[in-house]
């Protein structure tokens, strides 16, 4: 990127996405999201004015679950377990970076 290029983006807040927006961003049906939320595999949805709202972090997790289920033909519980392990490794690596200064 040269010094004159401008990068733009949208900062998502903690309850940025509706059920439909999350489903669209993951290229799945809303029922896919609902099933994983009800099974406890996809984070907590906050109810705002009668509709579910999802934190931006849930977009990353939902996309990861979709990819694991699709690419490895994993069932939803196995995909969630693998996602949990990936997230834990990322947290531990971040703690190591902080500890190393």
C-alpha atoms as a PDB file:
ATOM      1  CA  UNK A   1       0.000   0.000   0.000  1.00  0.00           C
ATOM      2  CA  UNK A   2       1.453   3.361  -0.866  1.00  0.00           C
ATOM      3  CA  UNK A   3       1.219   6.336   1.444  1.00  0.00           C
ATOM      4  CA  UNK A   4      -1.606   7.914  -0.545  1.00  0.00           C
ATOM      5  CA  UNK A   5      -3.926   4.901  -0.377  1.00  0.00           C
ATOM      6  CA  UNK A   6      -6.761   5.167   2.088  1.00  0.00           C
ATOM      7  CA  UNK A   7      -8.202   2.127   3.746  1.00  0.00           C
ATOM      8  CA  UNK A   8     -11.808   2.299   4.803  1.00  0.00           C
ATOM      9  CA  UNK A   9     -13.885  -0.054   6.894  1.00  0.00           C
ATOM     10  CA  UNK A  10     -16.793  -0.301   9.220  1.00  0.00           C
ATOM     11  CA  UNK A  11     -16.232  -0.635  12.938  1.00  0.00           C
ATOM     12  CA  UNK A  12     -18.739  -3.045  14.400  1.00  0.00           C
ATOM     13  CA  UNK A  13     -19.927  -2.531  17.924  1.00  0.00           C
ATOM     14  CA  UNK A  14     -20.789  -5.248  20.409  1.00  0.00           C
ATOM     15  CA  UNK A  15     -24.309  -5.792  19.105  1.00  0.00           C
ATOM     16  CA  UNK A  16     -23.870  -4.815  15.508  1.00  0.00           C
ATOM     17  CA  UNK A  17     -25.477  -7.593  13.488  1.00  0.00           C
ATOM     18  CA  UNK A  18     -29.049  -8.785  13.178  1.00  0.00           C
ATOM     19  CA  UNK A  19     -29.851 -12.445  12.666  1.00  0.00           C
ATOM     20  CA  UNK A  20     -30.430 -11.848   8.971  1.00  0.00           C
ATOM     21  CA  UNK A  21     -27.208  -9.842   8.567  1.00  0.00           C
ATOM     22  CA  UNK A  22     -25.155 -12.511  10.318  1.00  0.00           C
ATOM     23  CA  UNK A  23     -26.717 -15.247   8.186  1.00  0.00           C
ATOM     24  CA  UNK A  24     -26.085 -13.256   5.014  1.00  0.00           C
ATOM     25  CA  UNK A  25     -22.467 -12.531   5.986  1.00  0.00           C
ATOM     26  CA  UNK A  26     -21.930 -16.269   6.514  1.00  0.00           C
ATOM     27  CA  UNK A  27     -23.874 -17.326   3.396  1.00  0.00           C
ATOM     28  CA  UNK A  28     -26.251 -19.497   5.438  1.00  0.00           C
ATOM     29  CA  UNK A  29     -29.941 -19.465   6.190  1.00  0.00           C
ATOM     30  CA  UNK A  30     -31.087 -17.769   9.412  1.00  0.00           C
ATOM     31  CA  UNK A  31     -32.257 -21.181  10.642  1.00  0.00           C
ATOM     32  CA  UNK A  32     -28.608 -22.338  10.607  1.00  0.00           C
ATOM     33  CA  UNK A  33     -27.731 -19.508  13.015  1.00  0.00           C
ATOM     34  CA  UNK A  34     -30.778 -20.179  15.205  1.00  0.00           C
ATOM     35  CA  UNK A  35     -29.945 -23.881  15.491  1.00  0.00           C
ATOM     36  CA  UNK A  36     -26.387 -23.180  16.648  1.00  0.00           C
ATOM     37  CA  UNK A  37     -27.482 -20.496  19.123  1.00  0.00           C
ATOM     38  CA  UNK A  38     -30.130 -22.781  20.608  1.00  0.00           C
ATOM     39  CA  UNK A  39     -27.569 -25.608  20.863  1.00  0.00           C
ATOM     40  CA  UNK A  40     -25.165 -23.245  22.686  1.00  0.00           C
ATOM     41  CA  UNK A  41     -22.549 -23.511  19.935  1.00  0.00           C
ATOM     42  CA  UNK A  42     -22.710 -19.928  18.777  1.00  0.00           C
ATOM     43  CA  UNK A  43     -22.509 -17.101  21.270  1.00  0.00           C
ATOM     44  CA  UNK A  44     -25.201 -15.288  23.066  1.00  0.00           C
ATOM     45  CA  UNK A  45     -27.515 -13.181  21.024  1.00  0.00           C
ATOM     46  CA  UNK A  46     -28.684 -10.017  22.701  1.00  0.00           C
ATOM     47  CA  UNK A  47     -32.348  -9.221  22.261  1.00  0.00           C
ATOM     48  CA  UNK A  48     -32.838  -5.630  21.172  1.00  0.00           C
ATOM     49  CA  UNK A  49     -36.381  -4.445  20.471  1.00  0.00           C
ATOM     50  CA  UNK A  50     -37.585  -7.973  19.835  1.00  0.00           C
ATOM     51  CA  UNK A  51     -34.822  -9.017  17.454  1.00  0.00           C
ATOM     52  CA  UNK A  52     -31.555 -10.841  17.993  1.00  0.00           C
ATOM     53  CA  UNK A  53     -28.347  -8.834  17.759  1.00  0.00           C
ATOM     54  CA  UNK A  54     -24.918 -10.426  17.534  1.00  0.00           C
ATOM     55  CA  UNK A  55     -21.517  -9.154  18.588  1.00  0.00           C
ATOM     56  CA  UNK A  56     -18.957  -8.703  15.846  1.00  0.00           C
ATOM     57  CA  UNK A  57     -16.897 -11.533  17.384  1.00  0.00           C
ATOM     58  CA  UNK A  58     -19.767 -13.884  16.606  1.00  0.00           C
ATOM     59  CA  UNK A  59     -19.308 -13.172  12.908  1.00  0.00           C
ATOM     60  CA  UNK A  60     -15.783 -14.596  13.091  1.00  0.00           C
ATOM     61  CA  UNK A  61     -16.958 -17.650  15.043  1.00  0.00           C
ATOM     62  CA  UNK A  62     -19.961 -18.257  12.781  1.00  0.00           C
ATOM     63  CA  UNK A  63     -17.803 -18.075   9.657  1.00  0.00           C
ATOM     64  CA  UNK A  64     -15.334 -20.473  11.266  1.00  0.00           C
ATOM     65  CA  UNK A  65     -18.150 -22.915  12.094  1.00  0.00           C
ATOM     66  CA  UNK A  66     -19.497 -22.709   8.540  1.00  0.00           C
ATOM     67  CA  UNK A  67     -16.052 -23.400   7.088  1.00  0.00           C
ATOM     68  CA  UNK A  68     -15.351 -26.321   9.418  1.00  0.00           C
ATOM     69  CA  UNK A  69     -18.715 -27.919   8.730  1.00  0.00           C
ATOM     70  CA  UNK A  70     -18.380 -27.402   4.986  1.00  0.00           C
ATOM     71  CA  UNK A  71     -14.682 -28.107   4.396  1.00  0.00           C
ATOM     72  CA  UNK A  72     -14.317 -31.063   6.753  1.00  0.00           C
ATOM     73  CA  UNK A  73     -17.899 -32.329   6.660  1.00  0.00           C
ATOM     74  CA  UNK A  74     -17.906 -31.928  10.444  1.00  0.00           C
ATOM     75  CA  UNK A  75     -21.082 -32.121  12.437  1.00  0.00           C
ATOM     76  CA  UNK A  76     -22.015 -28.976  14.343  1.00  0.00           C
ATOM     77  CA  UNK A  77     -20.683 -30.183  17.722  1.00  0.00           C
ATOM     78  CA  UNK A  78     -17.283 -31.164  16.307  1.00  0.00           C
ATOM     79  CA  UNK A  79     -17.024 -27.875  14.414  1.00  0.00           C
ATOM     80  CA  UNK A  80     -17.765 -25.981  17.651  1.00  0.00           C
ATOM     81  CA  UNK A  81     -15.129 -27.984  19.561  1.00  0.00           C
ATOM     82  CA  UNK A  82     -12.501 -27.222  16.914  1.00  0.00           C
ATOM     83  CA  UNK A  83     -13.517 -23.544  16.928  1.00  0.00           C
ATOM     84  CA  UNK A  84     -13.176 -23.477  20.727  1.00  0.00           C
ATOM     85  CA  UNK A  85      -9.670 -24.945  20.473  1.00  0.00           C
ATOM     86  CA  UNK A  86      -8.635 -22.458  17.784  1.00  0.00           C
ATOM     87  CA  UNK A  87      -9.930 -19.573  19.904  1.00  0.00           C
ATOM     88  CA  UNK A  88      -8.084 -20.883  22.980  1.00  0.00           C
ATOM     89  CA  UNK A  89      -4.806 -21.168  21.053  1.00  0.00           C
ATOM     90  CA  UNK A  90      -5.274 -17.577  19.854  1.00  0.00           C
ATOM     91  CA  UNK A  91      -5.881 -16.384  23.438  1.00  0.00           C
ATOM     92  CA  UNK A  92      -2.802 -18.210  24.708  1.00  0.00           C
ATOM     93  CA  UNK A  93      -0.633 -16.804  21.914  1.00  0.00           C
ATOM     94  CA  UNK A  94      -1.861 -13.294  22.737  1.00  0.00           C
ATOM     95  CA  UNK A  95      -0.975 -13.822  26.412  1.00  0.00           C
ATOM     96  CA  UNK A  96       2.507 -14.966  25.416  1.00  0.00           C
ATOM     97  CA  UNK A  97       3.017 -11.890  23.261  1.00  0.00           C
ATOM     98  CA  UNK A  98       2.014  -9.660  26.180  1.00  0.00           C
ATOM     99  CA  UNK A  99       4.230 -11.560  28.616  1.00  0.00           C
ATOM    100  CA  UNK A 100       7.219 -11.263  26.281  1.00  0.00           C
ATOM    101  CA  UNK A 101       6.638  -7.536  26.112  1.00  0.00           C
END
